[in-house]
Protein backbone atom coordinates (compact mmCIF):
# COMPACT_ATOMS: atom_id res chain seq x y z
CA MET A 1 46.75 -19.52 -85.00
CA HIS A 2 44.13 -20.28 -87.65
CA ALA A 3 44.83 -22.40 -90.60
CA ASN A 4 42.36 -20.41 -92.87
CA THR A 5 43.47 -16.42 -92.15
CA GLY A 6 46.86 -16.86 -90.68
CA VAL A 7 46.47 -14.93 -87.60
CA ASP A 8 45.53 -15.17 -84.23
CA ARG A 9 42.41 -16.02 -83.44
CA ASN A 10 39.30 -16.49 -80.70
CA GLU A 11 38.31 -20.12 -81.71
CA PRO A 12 35.96 -20.66 -79.68
CA TYR A 13 34.08 -16.82 -79.21
CA VAL A 14 34.14 -17.00 -83.13
CA GLU A 15 32.85 -20.68 -83.47
CA SER A 16 29.38 -19.77 -81.40
CA LEU A 17 28.61 -17.30 -83.67
CA ARG A 18 29.03 -19.46 -86.84
CA ILE A 19 27.23 -21.85 -88.92
CA GLU A 20 29.49 -24.60 -90.78
CA ASP A 21 29.16 -24.74 -94.62
CA ALA A 22 29.46 -28.38 -95.35
CA PRO A 23 30.22 -28.57 -99.03
CA THR A 24 32.80 -25.72 -98.48
CA GLY A 25 34.15 -26.36 -94.66
CA HIS A 26 33.94 -22.57 -93.99
CA ALA A 27 31.26 -20.35 -92.06
CA THR A 28 28.06 -19.48 -93.68
CA GLN A 29 26.67 -15.83 -93.06
CA VAL A 30 23.35 -15.98 -91.00
CA ALA A 31 20.51 -14.21 -92.43
CA PRO A 32 19.18 -11.10 -90.85
CA SER A 33 16.07 -10.10 -89.34
CA THR A 34 13.82 -9.13 -92.25
CA THR A 35 11.16 -6.64 -89.49
CA ASP A 36 13.86 -4.92 -87.88
CA PRO A 37 12.78 -0.95 -88.65
CA ASP A 38 16.18 0.09 -87.67
CA TRP A 39 17.63 -2.43 -90.26
CA TRP A 40 19.58 0.75 -92.35
CA ARG A 41 21.44 1.98 -89.69
CA THR A 42 24.12 -0.63 -89.73
CA ALA A 43 23.31 -2.88 -92.98
CA VAL A 44 25.94 -3.86 -95.55
CA VAL A 45 24.49 -2.89 -98.81
CA TYR A 46 25.75 -4.47 -101.99
CA GLN A 47 25.92 -2.37 -105.33
CA ILE A 48 24.89 -3.98 -108.28
CA TYR A 49 25.68 -2.83 -111.78
CA ILE A 50 23.55 -4.86 -113.21
CA ARG A 51 24.95 -4.79 -117.06
CA SER A 52 28.13 -6.88 -115.02
CA PHE A 53 27.24 -8.48 -112.24
CA ALA A 54 26.00 -11.77 -114.17
CA ASP A 55 24.42 -13.01 -117.58
CA GLY A 56 21.85 -15.23 -116.88
CA ASN A 57 20.62 -16.19 -120.85
CA GLY A 58 24.26 -15.91 -122.40
CA ASP A 59 23.70 -12.80 -124.38
CA GLY A 60 26.51 -10.79 -123.10
CA THR A 61 24.82 -8.90 -120.58
CA GLY A 62 24.51 -9.05 -117.16
CA ASP A 63 20.48 -9.21 -116.21
CA LEU A 64 18.12 -10.32 -113.61
CA ALA A 65 18.24 -14.09 -114.01
CA GLY A 66 21.81 -13.96 -113.86
CA VAL A 67 21.28 -11.96 -109.96
CA ARG A 68 19.26 -14.88 -109.60
CA SER A 69 21.80 -17.62 -109.29
CA ARG A 70 24.30 -15.48 -107.49
CA LEU A 71 22.39 -14.88 -104.56
CA ALA A 72 23.22 -17.22 -102.56
CA TYR A 73 26.67 -15.89 -103.33
CA LEU A 74 25.24 -12.96 -101.78
CA LYS A 75 23.93 -14.34 -98.72
CA GLU A 76 27.14 -16.47 -98.12
CA LEU A 77 29.26 -12.85 -98.74
CA GLY A 78 26.86 -11.16 -95.88
CA VAL A 79 25.20 -7.83 -96.99
CA ASP A 80 21.85 -7.21 -95.50
CA ALA A 81 20.65 -5.01 -98.91
CA ILE A 82 21.70 -5.06 -102.89
CA TRP A 83 21.24 -1.67 -104.48
CA PHE A 84 20.82 -2.28 -108.07
CA THR A 85 21.62 0.70 -110.40
CA PRO A 86 18.74 1.80 -112.93
CA TRP A 87 17.07 -1.62 -114.04
CA TYR A 88 13.89 0.40 -116.29
CA ARG A 89 13.68 0.82 -119.57
CA SER A 90 16.34 3.24 -121.31
CA PRO A 91 18.22 3.27 -124.75
CA LEU A 92 21.72 3.35 -122.18
CA ALA A 93 22.56 6.49 -123.32
CA ASP A 94 24.16 6.87 -119.88
CA GLY A 95 24.14 3.59 -118.85
CA GLY A 96 20.56 3.28 -117.71
CA TYR A 97 20.13 6.55 -116.23
CA ASP A 98 18.94 8.07 -119.26
CA VAL A 99 15.14 6.21 -117.88
CA ALA A 100 12.36 6.15 -120.81
CA ASP A 101 9.96 4.00 -118.42
CA TYR A 102 10.07 3.91 -115.03
CA ARG A 103 7.45 1.02 -114.17
CA ALA A 104 9.04 -1.49 -117.22
CA ILE A 105 12.13 -3.17 -116.34
CA ASP A 106 14.57 -3.08 -119.57
CA PRO A 107 14.19 -5.67 -121.81
CA ALA A 108 17.79 -6.69 -122.09
CA PHE A 109 17.74 -7.46 -117.99
CA GLY A 110 14.10 -9.24 -118.10
CA ASP A 111 10.68 -8.04 -117.18
CA LEU A 112 8.70 -7.09 -114.25
CA GLY A 113 7.44 -10.71 -113.24
CA GLU A 114 11.38 -11.22 -112.97
CA ALA A 115 12.10 -8.51 -110.70
CA GLU A 116 9.44 -9.14 -108.47
CA ALA A 117 10.43 -12.57 -108.12
CA LEU A 118 13.98 -11.64 -107.33
CA ILE A 119 12.59 -9.13 -104.96
CA SER A 120 10.92 -11.87 -102.92
CA GLU A 121 13.75 -14.33 -103.66
CA ALA A 122 16.19 -12.37 -102.34
CA LEU A 123 14.13 -11.28 -99.14
CA ALA A 124 13.76 -15.12 -98.24
CA LEU A 125 17.61 -15.45 -97.76
CA GLY A 126 17.47 -12.06 -95.65
CA ILE A 127 18.74 -9.44 -98.10
CA ARG A 128 16.50 -6.50 -99.38
CA THR A 129 16.42 -4.63 -102.24
CA ILE A 130 16.92 -1.24 -103.13
CA ILE A 131 16.67 0.33 -106.28
CA ASP A 132 17.69 3.70 -108.09
CA VAL A 133 15.51 6.85 -108.99
CA VAL A 134 17.09 9.44 -111.28
CA PRO A 135 14.32 12.61 -110.80
CA ASN A 136 16.79 15.27 -111.86
CA HIS A 137 16.11 14.14 -115.70
CA VAL A 138 14.13 11.32 -117.79
CA SER A 139 15.15 10.09 -121.31
CA ASP A 140 15.31 11.90 -124.35
CA GLN A 141 12.55 8.71 -125.57
CA HIS A 142 10.23 9.06 -122.44
CA GLU A 143 6.83 9.40 -124.00
CA TRP A 144 6.82 13.29 -121.43
CA PHE A 145 9.35 14.21 -123.86
CA ALA A 146 8.20 12.90 -127.21
CA ALA A 147 5.14 15.09 -126.14
CA ALA A 148 7.08 17.90 -125.87
CA LEU A 149 8.85 18.21 -128.73
CA ALA A 150 5.66 17.37 -130.83
CA SER A 151 3.74 20.29 -128.77
CA ALA A 152 4.34 23.81 -129.28
CA PRO A 153 6.57 26.32 -127.20
CA GLY A 154 4.43 27.46 -124.48
CA SER A 155 2.22 23.92 -124.24
CA PRO A 156 2.07 22.35 -121.41
CA GLU A 157 3.34 19.74 -122.30
CA ARG A 158 6.75 21.46 -122.24
CA GLU A 159 6.24 23.16 -118.95
CA ARG A 160 7.54 19.88 -117.52
CA PHE A 161 10.69 20.50 -119.04
CA TRP A 162 13.18 23.28 -119.62
CA PHE A 163 12.15 25.02 -122.51
CA ARG A 164 13.04 27.96 -123.22
CA ASP A 165 14.16 30.57 -126.57
CA GLY A 166 17.44 31.15 -127.15
CA VAL A 167 18.92 34.67 -126.83
CA GLY A 168 20.95 37.41 -129.37
CA PRO A 169 19.75 37.20 -133.63
CA GLY A 170 17.73 34.48 -133.94
CA GLY A 171 17.45 33.19 -130.77
CA ASP A 172 20.92 31.01 -131.38
CA GLY A 173 22.38 31.79 -128.16
CA MET A 174 22.15 29.59 -125.08
CA PRO A 175 19.81 30.36 -122.42
CA THR A 176 22.51 30.03 -119.90
CA HIS A 177 26.56 28.69 -120.11
CA TRP A 178 26.02 26.73 -117.23
CA VAL A 179 28.87 23.65 -118.13
CA SER A 180 27.38 19.54 -117.63
CA GLU A 181 27.89 17.57 -114.97
CA PHE A 182 29.90 15.74 -118.02
CA THR A 183 31.83 18.49 -119.07
CA GLY A 184 30.00 20.97 -122.40
CA ASP A 185 27.24 22.77 -122.95
CA THR A 186 23.88 22.34 -121.24
CA TRP A 187 21.48 23.37 -123.75
CA THR A 188 20.39 21.74 -126.69
CA ARG A 189 18.61 23.38 -129.75
CA THR A 190 15.55 21.67 -131.25
CA THR A 191 14.28 21.62 -134.77
CA ASN A 192 10.21 23.10 -135.60
CA PRO A 193 8.34 21.13 -138.20
CA ASP A 194 9.20 22.92 -140.52
CA GLY A 195 12.91 22.53 -140.21
CA THR A 196 13.34 25.98 -139.05
CA PRO A 197 15.68 26.34 -135.63
CA GLY A 198 13.08 26.24 -132.39
CA GLN A 199 13.34 26.79 -128.85
CA TRP A 200 16.66 25.27 -126.86
CA TYR A 201 15.66 22.57 -123.88
CA LEU A 202 17.98 21.88 -120.77
CA HIS A 203 20.36 19.16 -119.84
CA LEU A 204 22.58 18.89 -116.92
CA PHE A 205 24.01 15.56 -118.33
CA THR A 206 24.08 14.19 -121.99
CA PRO A 207 21.53 15.52 -124.57
CA GLN A 208 19.62 12.30 -124.21
CA GLN A 209 18.94 13.77 -120.68
CA PRO A 210 16.78 16.35 -120.31
CA ASP A 211 15.77 18.40 -116.98
CA LEU A 212 13.04 17.80 -115.44
CA ASN A 213 10.98 20.72 -114.11
CA TRP A 214 10.46 20.59 -110.36
CA ASN A 215 8.64 23.57 -110.16
CA HIS A 216 5.64 21.22 -112.02
CA PRO A 217 2.82 19.38 -110.09
CA ASP A 218 2.93 16.40 -112.62
CA VAL A 219 6.76 15.94 -112.31
CA ARG A 220 6.11 15.84 -108.13
CA ARG A 221 3.20 13.57 -108.47
CA GLU A 222 4.67 11.15 -110.90
CA PHE A 223 8.02 10.14 -108.91
CA GLU A 224 5.92 10.00 -105.71
CA ASP A 225 3.15 7.32 -107.86
CA VAL A 226 6.84 5.65 -108.55
CA LEU A 227 7.92 5.13 -105.56
CA ARG A 228 4.87 3.51 -104.20
CA PHE A 229 4.48 1.58 -107.29
CA TRP A 230 8.18 -0.22 -105.95
CA PHE A 231 7.26 -0.17 -102.51
CA ASP A 232 4.37 -2.18 -103.41
CA ARG A 233 6.40 -4.64 -104.70
CA GLY A 234 8.42 -5.05 -101.82
CA VAL A 235 11.62 -2.85 -102.72
CA ALA A 236 12.82 -1.86 -98.67
CA GLY A 237 14.69 1.63 -99.97
CA VAL A 238 15.78 3.96 -103.17
CA ARG A 239 18.80 5.84 -103.95
CA ILE A 240 18.00 9.20 -105.28
CA ASP A 241 20.82 9.91 -108.07
CA SER A 242 22.24 13.46 -107.98
CA ALA A 243 19.51 14.03 -105.01
CA VAL A 244 20.82 17.93 -104.93
CA LEU A 245 20.40 19.18 -108.65
CA LEU A 246 16.53 18.67 -109.10
CA VAL A 247 15.54 22.06 -108.13
CA LYS A 248 16.71 25.45 -110.69
CA ASP A 249 16.02 29.10 -110.06
CA PRO A 250 13.40 29.40 -112.36
CA ALA A 251 15.15 32.91 -113.20
CA LEU A 252 17.93 31.08 -115.06
CA PRO A 253 20.76 33.69 -114.15
CA GLU A 254 24.79 32.53 -114.89
CA LEU A 255 26.79 30.94 -112.41
CA PRO A 256 28.00 33.54 -109.17
CA GLU A 257 31.34 33.14 -109.09
CA ASN A 258 31.55 32.36 -105.65
CA PRO A 259 27.65 31.38 -104.64
CA ALA A 260 26.22 31.72 -101.25
CA PRO A 261 24.35 28.63 -99.68
CA GLY A 262 21.99 27.72 -101.37
CA GLU A 263 22.35 30.67 -104.45
CA HIS A 264 23.54 28.59 -106.65
CA PRO A 265 21.25 28.15 -110.01
CA THR A 266 21.16 24.27 -110.27
CA VAL A 267 22.33 22.98 -106.69
CA ASP A 268 21.61 22.12 -103.25
CA ARG A 269 17.93 24.92 -103.31
CA ASP A 270 16.66 25.50 -100.60
CA GLU A 271 13.10 23.98 -102.10
CA LEU A 272 14.34 20.58 -102.61
CA HIS A 273 13.60 20.21 -98.88
CA ASP A 274 10.10 19.86 -99.12
CA ILE A 275 10.12 17.73 -102.14
CA TYR A 276 11.99 15.19 -99.73
CA ARG A 277 9.47 15.74 -97.36
CA GLY A 278 6.93 14.18 -99.49
CA TRP A 279 8.64 11.61 -100.32
CA ARG A 280 9.61 10.25 -96.82
CA ALA A 281 5.84 10.57 -96.21
CA VAL A 282 5.48 8.32 -98.98
CA ALA A 283 7.89 5.52 -97.32
CA ASP A 284 6.96 5.99 -94.05
CA GLY A 285 3.22 4.93 -95.06
CA TYR A 286 4.62 1.35 -96.07
CA PRO A 287 5.68 -0.93 -92.77
CA GLY A 288 9.54 -1.90 -92.28
CA ALA A 289 11.22 1.00 -92.63
CA ARG A 290 11.33 2.24 -96.65
CA THR A 291 14.53 4.03 -96.85
CA LEU A 292 15.77 7.14 -98.83
CA VAL A 293 19.69 7.23 -99.52
CA GLY A 294 20.50 10.35 -101.41
CA GLU A 295 23.22 11.05 -103.53
CA ILE A 296 24.62 14.14 -101.73
CA TRP A 297 28.01 16.26 -103.23
CA LEU A 298 28.26 18.56 -101.16
CA PRO A 299 31.12 20.75 -99.63
CA ASP A 300 29.09 22.45 -97.12
CA ILE A 301 28.92 20.20 -93.74
CA ASP A 302 25.12 21.80 -92.61
CA ARG A 303 23.98 21.73 -95.78
CA PHE A 304 24.66 18.64 -96.41
CA ALA A 305 22.63 17.51 -92.71
CA LYS A 306 19.81 19.32 -93.86
CA TYR A 307 19.32 16.44 -95.59
CA LEU A 308 19.00 13.82 -93.13
CA ARG A 309 16.72 15.23 -90.47
CA PRO A 310 14.36 12.90 -88.88
CA ASP A 311 11.46 13.92 -91.86
CA GLU A 312 13.46 13.63 -94.64
CA LEU A 313 15.95 11.30 -95.95
CA HIS A 314 17.29 8.44 -93.81
CA MET A 315 21.31 8.36 -95.33
CA ALA A 316 23.39 10.05 -97.32
CA PHE A 317 26.48 8.67 -99.18
CA ASN A 318 29.48 9.86 -97.79
CA PHE A 319 31.77 11.56 -100.70
CA ASP A 320 34.12 12.92 -98.44
CA PHE A 321 35.92 9.74 -96.71
CA MET A 322 35.86 7.82 -100.39
CA GLY A 323 38.10 11.05 -102.19
CA ARG A 324 40.39 11.64 -99.29
CA PRO A 325 43.83 10.11 -100.29
CA TRP A 326 45.66 7.13 -98.11
CA ASP A 327 46.79 9.45 -94.88
CA ALA A 328 46.11 9.41 -91.54
CA ALA A 329 45.27 12.99 -90.87
CA GLN A 330 43.07 12.95 -94.09
CA LEU A 331 40.75 9.56 -93.17
CA ARG A 332 40.90 10.61 -89.52
CA ASP A 333 39.63 14.40 -90.35
CA SER A 334 37.17 12.98 -92.94
CA ILE A 335 36.08 10.82 -90.47
CA ASP A 336 35.62 12.96 -87.58
CA THR A 337 33.85 15.96 -90.04
CA THR A 338 31.62 12.53 -91.31
CA LEU A 339 30.45 11.82 -87.39
CA ALA A 340 29.84 14.79 -85.99
CA ALA A 341 27.57 16.02 -89.47
CA HIS A 342 25.12 13.28 -88.31
CA ALA A 343 25.08 13.28 -85.29
CA PRO A 344 22.90 16.08 -84.52
CA VAL A 345 20.22 14.84 -86.97
CA ASP A 346 20.65 11.53 -85.60
CA ALA A 347 21.38 9.44 -88.87
CA PRO A 348 24.00 7.02 -89.56
CA SER A 349 27.01 7.83 -91.41
CA THR A 350 28.07 5.73 -94.58
CA TRP A 351 31.20 4.51 -95.64
CA VAL A 352 32.07 3.95 -99.15
CA LEU A 353 35.21 3.16 -100.93
CA SER A 354 33.84 3.05 -104.66
CA ASN A 355 31.07 2.59 -106.78
CA HIS A 356 30.26 2.83 -110.46
CA ASP A 357 31.66 6.15 -111.51
CA VAL A 358 34.50 5.49 -109.10
CA THR A 359 38.51 4.33 -109.44
CA ARG A 360 38.82 1.17 -107.72
CA PRO A 361 40.32 1.19 -104.81
CA VAL A 362 43.20 -1.30 -105.32
CA THR A 363 44.23 1.26 -108.17
CA ARG A 364 43.49 4.24 -106.51
CA TYR A 365 45.36 3.52 -103.57
CA GLY A 366 48.59 2.26 -105.59
CA ARG A 367 48.81 5.46 -107.29
CA ALA A 368 50.82 9.06 -106.01
CA ASP A 369 47.99 10.64 -105.93
CA SER A 370 45.97 8.03 -104.20
CA SER A 371 42.32 10.61 -103.71
CA PHE A 372 39.66 10.47 -106.01
CA ALA A 373 38.60 12.98 -108.86
CA PHE A 374 37.39 12.86 -112.23
CA THR A 375 40.09 13.84 -113.52
CA SER A 376 42.74 11.74 -111.54
CA LYS A 377 41.02 9.16 -114.27
CA ARG A 378 43.13 10.45 -116.84
CA PHE A 379 44.67 7.99 -119.80
CA GLY A 380 48.75 7.10 -118.51
CA THR A 381 47.81 7.66 -114.40
CA PRO A 382 51.04 5.25 -113.69
CA THR A 383 49.69 2.66 -110.01
CA ASP A 384 51.23 -0.04 -108.12
CA LEU A 385 48.48 -2.84 -107.64
CA GLU A 386 50.29 -4.72 -105.03
CA LEU A 387 50.24 -1.31 -102.95
CA GLY A 388 47.14 -0.61 -103.69
CA THR A 389 45.77 -3.90 -102.78
CA ARG A 390 47.40 -4.11 -99.36
CA ARG A 391 45.92 -0.94 -98.57
CA ALA A 392 42.71 -1.47 -100.16
CA ARG A 393 42.36 -5.04 -97.90
CA ALA A 394 42.88 -2.82 -94.72
CA ALA A 395 40.60 -0.05 -95.89
CA ALA A 396 38.15 -2.71 -95.75
CA LEU A 397 38.77 -3.63 -91.93
CA LEU A 398 39.00 0.40 -91.89
CA VAL A 399 35.10 1.34 -92.63
CA ALA A 400 33.83 -1.91 -91.55
CA ALA A 401 34.83 -1.18 -88.08
CA LEU A 402 32.89 2.73 -88.06
CA PRO A 403 29.49 3.81 -87.34
CA GLY A 404 27.13 3.63 -89.03
CA SER A 405 26.00 1.69 -92.75
CA LEU A 406 28.51 0.05 -95.18
CA TYR A 407 28.49 0.13 -99.16
CA ILE A 408 29.99 -2.08 -101.13
CA TYR A 409 30.30 -2.01 -105.29
CA GLN A 410 30.21 -5.23 -106.69
CA GLY A 411 33.77 -6.74 -107.67
CA ASP A 412 35.63 -4.77 -104.97
CA GLU A 413 35.29 -7.87 -102.38
CA LEU A 414 37.29 -9.67 -104.90
CA GLY A 415 40.21 -6.91 -105.21
CA LEU A 416 39.44 -6.15 -109.33
CA PRO A 417 41.37 -3.46 -110.19
CA GLU A 418 40.40 -0.52 -112.71
CA VAL A 419 40.73 -1.68 -116.24
CA GLU A 420 42.83 1.31 -117.77
CA ASP A 421 42.93 -0.64 -121.71
CA LEU A 422 39.67 -0.89 -123.04
CA PRO A 423 39.82 -0.22 -126.78
CA LEU A 424 38.11 2.82 -127.87
CA ASP A 425 36.03 1.91 -130.35
CA LEU A 426 34.20 -0.47 -127.14
CA ILE A 427 33.78 2.32 -124.38
CA GLN A 428 30.74 3.81 -124.03
CA ASP A 429 30.81 5.83 -121.40
CA PRO A 430 29.44 9.77 -122.68
CA MET A 431 31.81 10.95 -119.98
CA HIS A 432 34.82 9.79 -122.20
CA PHE A 433 33.22 11.37 -125.24
CA ARG A 434 32.13 14.47 -123.84
CA SER A 435 35.97 14.95 -122.69
CA ASN A 436 37.03 14.64 -126.15
CA GLY A 437 38.77 11.62 -125.40
CA VAL A 438 40.82 12.45 -122.54
CA ASP A 439 38.91 10.94 -120.10
CA PRO A 440 38.62 7.39 -119.84
CA GLY A 441 35.13 7.27 -118.42
CA ARG A 442 33.87 4.80 -116.25
CA ASP A 443 34.03 1.97 -117.81
CA GLY A 444 36.81 0.90 -116.37
CA CYS A 445 35.24 0.26 -113.32
CA ARG A 446 32.18 -1.92 -114.77
CA VAL A 447 33.56 -4.45 -116.82
CA PRO A 448 32.05 -7.84 -116.23
CA LEU A 449 32.49 -9.74 -112.77
CA PRO A 450 34.89 -12.83 -113.38
CA TRP A 451 33.34 -16.10 -111.88
CA ARG A 452 35.08 -19.08 -112.98
CA ILE A 453 38.44 -20.20 -114.08
CA THR A 454 37.46 -20.34 -117.43
CA PRO A 455 38.70 -19.18 -120.64
CA ASP A 456 35.30 -18.54 -121.74
CA GLY A 457 34.32 -15.22 -120.55
CA LEU A 458 35.08 -16.14 -117.11
CA GLY A 459 31.72 -17.48 -116.06
CA PHE A 460 30.15 -14.59 -116.20
CA GLY A 461 27.50 -16.19 -118.77
CA PRO A 462 26.85 -19.72 -119.01
CA VAL A 463 28.96 -21.55 -120.83
CA GLY A 464 29.10 -21.44 -124.33
CA ALA A 465 27.46 -17.63 -123.51
CA GLY A 466 28.05 -14.68 -125.95
CA THR A 467 31.12 -12.13 -125.75
CA PRO A 468 30.63 -10.07 -122.52
CA TRP A 469 29.50 -6.26 -123.44
CA LEU A 470 33.24 -5.08 -122.33
CA PRO A 471 36.54 -7.31 -122.35
CA GLN A 472 37.46 -8.73 -119.33
CA PRO A 473 41.48 -8.83 -118.66
CA ALA A 474 42.70 -12.53 -118.97
CA ASP A 475 44.67 -12.17 -116.18
CA TRP A 476 40.96 -11.46 -113.76
CA ALA A 477 41.45 -15.92 -113.88
CA ALA A 478 42.85 -15.34 -110.53
CA LEU A 479 40.50 -12.54 -109.24
CA ALA A 480 37.94 -15.09 -110.31
CA VAL A 481 35.03 -16.31 -107.27
CA GLU A 482 35.88 -19.86 -108.08
CA ALA A 483 39.99 -19.25 -107.25
CA GLN A 484 39.55 -16.91 -104.56
CA GLU A 485 36.81 -19.17 -102.93
CA SER A 486 39.56 -21.71 -102.39
CA ASP A 487 42.15 -19.57 -101.36
CA ALA A 488 41.87 -17.73 -97.41
CA SER A 489 44.21 -15.60 -98.22
CA SER A 490 42.29 -13.99 -101.14
CA MET A 491 39.96 -10.37 -100.87
CA LEU A 492 37.47 -12.24 -100.48
CA TRP A 493 37.91 -14.49 -98.20
CA LEU A 494 39.08 -11.26 -95.86
CA TYR A 495 35.33 -9.44 -97.01
CA ARG A 496 33.53 -12.38 -95.90
CA GLU A 497 35.60 -12.78 -92.38
CA THR A 498 35.14 -9.02 -92.24
CA LEU A 499 31.18 -8.80 -92.86
CA ARG A 500 30.53 -11.98 -90.37
CA LEU A 501 32.38 -10.31 -87.39
CA ARG A 502 30.81 -6.95 -88.29
CA ARG A 503 27.74 -9.07 -87.64
CA ALA A 504 28.75 -11.12 -84.66
CA ILE A 505 30.61 -8.51 -82.69
CA SER A 506 28.09 -6.50 -80.98
CA GLU A 507 29.99 -3.19 -80.20
CA LEU A 508 30.46 -2.78 -83.90
CA ALA A 509 26.24 -2.65 -83.83
CA ALA A 510 25.97 -0.43 -80.92
CA GLY A 511 29.05 0.55 -79.24
CA GLU A 512 30.47 4.09 -78.60
CA PHE A 513 33.13 5.36 -80.90
CA ARG A 514 36.23 7.24 -79.27
CA TRP A 515 39.99 7.45 -81.09
CA LEU A 516 42.83 6.04 -79.05
CA ASP A 517 46.27 7.51 -78.84
CA ALA A 518 48.55 5.88 -81.18
CA GLY A 519 50.64 8.43 -83.26
CA PRO A 520 49.92 9.89 -86.13
CA SER A 521 50.91 8.13 -88.65
CA VAL A 522 47.84 5.20 -86.89
CA LEU A 523 44.45 5.24 -87.00
CA SER A 524 42.87 3.18 -84.36
CA PHE A 525 39.53 3.36 -82.27
CA ALA A 526 37.74 1.95 -79.64
CA ARG A 527 33.88 1.12 -80.04
CA GLY A 528 32.46 0.12 -76.59
CA ASP A 529 34.44 -1.41 -74.04
CA GLY A 530 36.09 -4.74 -75.55
CA PHE A 531 36.62 -3.80 -79.36
CA VAL A 532 39.88 -1.95 -80.55
CA HIS A 533 40.58 -1.72 -84.38
CA VAL A 534 43.94 -0.15 -85.78
CA THR A 535 45.04 0.69 -88.91
CA ASN A 536 48.93 1.27 -90.13
CA LEU A 537 49.55 3.91 -92.77
CA GLY A 538 53.53 4.49 -91.21
CA ASP A 539 56.37 3.12 -92.89
CA GLY A 540 56.96 0.53 -90.82
CA ALA A 541 55.20 -2.15 -88.53
CA ILE A 542 53.95 -1.31 -85.28
CA GLU A 543 53.36 -2.54 -82.24
CA LEU A 544 49.32 -3.91 -81.25
CA PRO A 545 47.87 -2.16 -78.19
CA THR A 546 47.03 -4.65 -75.21
CA HIS A 547 44.50 -7.14 -76.15
CA THR A 548 43.09 -10.85 -75.46
CA ASP A 549 42.77 -11.81 -79.07
CA LEU A 550 44.07 -10.75 -82.35
CA LEU A 551 40.00 -11.46 -84.13
CA LEU A 552 41.50 -10.47 -87.81
CA ALA A 553 44.22 -8.82 -89.58
CA SER A 554 44.14 -7.41 -93.45
CA ARG A 555 47.65 -9.07 -93.77
CA PRO A 556 50.01 -11.52 -91.77
CA LEU A 557 51.56 -9.97 -88.64
CA GLU A 558 55.31 -9.92 -88.04
CA ASN A 559 56.88 -10.91 -85.55
CA GLY A 560 53.40 -9.68 -83.55
CA ARG A 561 53.51 -6.39 -85.11
CA LEU A 562 51.35 -5.17 -87.63
CA PRO A 563 52.78 -3.85 -90.82
CA LYS A 564 52.64 -1.04 -92.55
CA ASP A 565 49.23 -0.38 -95.03
CA SER A 566 47.07 -3.30 -92.58
CA SER A 567 44.30 -2.88 -90.47
CA ALA A 568 43.62 -5.15 -87.20
CA TRP A 569 40.03 -6.03 -85.42
CA LEU A 570 41.50 -6.65 -81.38
CA ARG A 571 39.43 -8.07 -78.62
CA THR A 572 40.84 -6.14 -75.58
CA GLN A 573 38.23 -8.04 -72.85
CA HIS A 574 35.18 -11.00 -73.30
């Protein structure tokens, strides 16, 4: 029995793969190689929503100084890379996804020199940096769009965007009736210098995010140059936002009732693949495997897999698994579908429980409908946080044992719940406003992290810092890093042990995956010949399969049996 975890452990096996940290007495993570060209295939990537991670200068907003001050925490957690949501200059109409200048850091976060220092310091700890690129649109304050508004219809400046005359009398009708990704209209009318109504411009998101015209050579050249700008500064990868939305049908047809693959006027157009082949050529021109990760929401698995061919993107996010309910048959189907889709193109699967857009797992898994959809974020949806936390702990072990790479959203390692009672006057997410207040939006998963057991911002900033940009629940003191580091039953300890063992167990890097017969309410599989994972989604405790050692469990066993809503990692032979 291991005193720190409360479950049986094979101490000689574990101790040979750890380094003791004298100040705290628990295992530290060994830095991965930073020269491995295949690092991305099994990487653990930690997503940082920079405004909410750590505040270094005390103004209430997270920044690069805050991240630099917490790099040791990330190393101790055991991640291979950090992925930043946009850190560029932006008016923050959509949390930074409205970029005004790709070559400048927003002053609220720091400056370019600080970003370069962070990239270097993280790499010295074995942690690579991945940045977000938003190619579908820019901010309405981008210099290109300002030039377009100042130019006449038909000008070269307007050709970089989707400016069109309106339809009907006086051009008062929108060119199409496409629906925004944030609900509502997708066209906004301009005003001419003389005050008369002008042309309309397209925005699949907010009016502050005009869509770029990817048929224009300037757009293609610009984004390839942006990739080079950041690769030259040591960035190891790029996450591509809304990766299937860039290309539009230039005829601007209305949306067919049931569009066939490739026929949607704004989604998954075939021309996208040539764009990403160009990006891959840029990435492959740098040493050390500079990776491209696509945000690809597509139900058609064959269409999805085409983006992962060897000359296109390296990886794509697996939203299917993230959206499934806590149900053995549903999760198994998602795992099978995901692995089958990736196998023909030899791309690694990615496993994701949440991100900056999604209801946090401990809240989502505690609901009657534990699947994810944006409508499930509506006000007043009840949840059982105790149940959700048990399931989130079990899910953490499940995804960490599957073949491929693992993505962790900041705060999930602390078991933070969704904050569902933010004051309405403090909500900033445009999804809330464009739903006419029906949808609370995504700010509930973006609340600043708790670091210390103090009432003063919970250590989000230095002592005496300003109020965090979103309020933190008072009971988050019990979830602060400081509280969890001394609690061996905490979510943080579970994540640290999970990631340490994930790196230490060779089968989890390269072992063949195969399902084991354990009944309809249990997910059990082997990796290689010596490792078995079990997740119990049934109504009661179950017997574990024959094993030599219990390496880790998400909850203590009950008389040697695995409780419901729990996972375990087993050694079946030495």
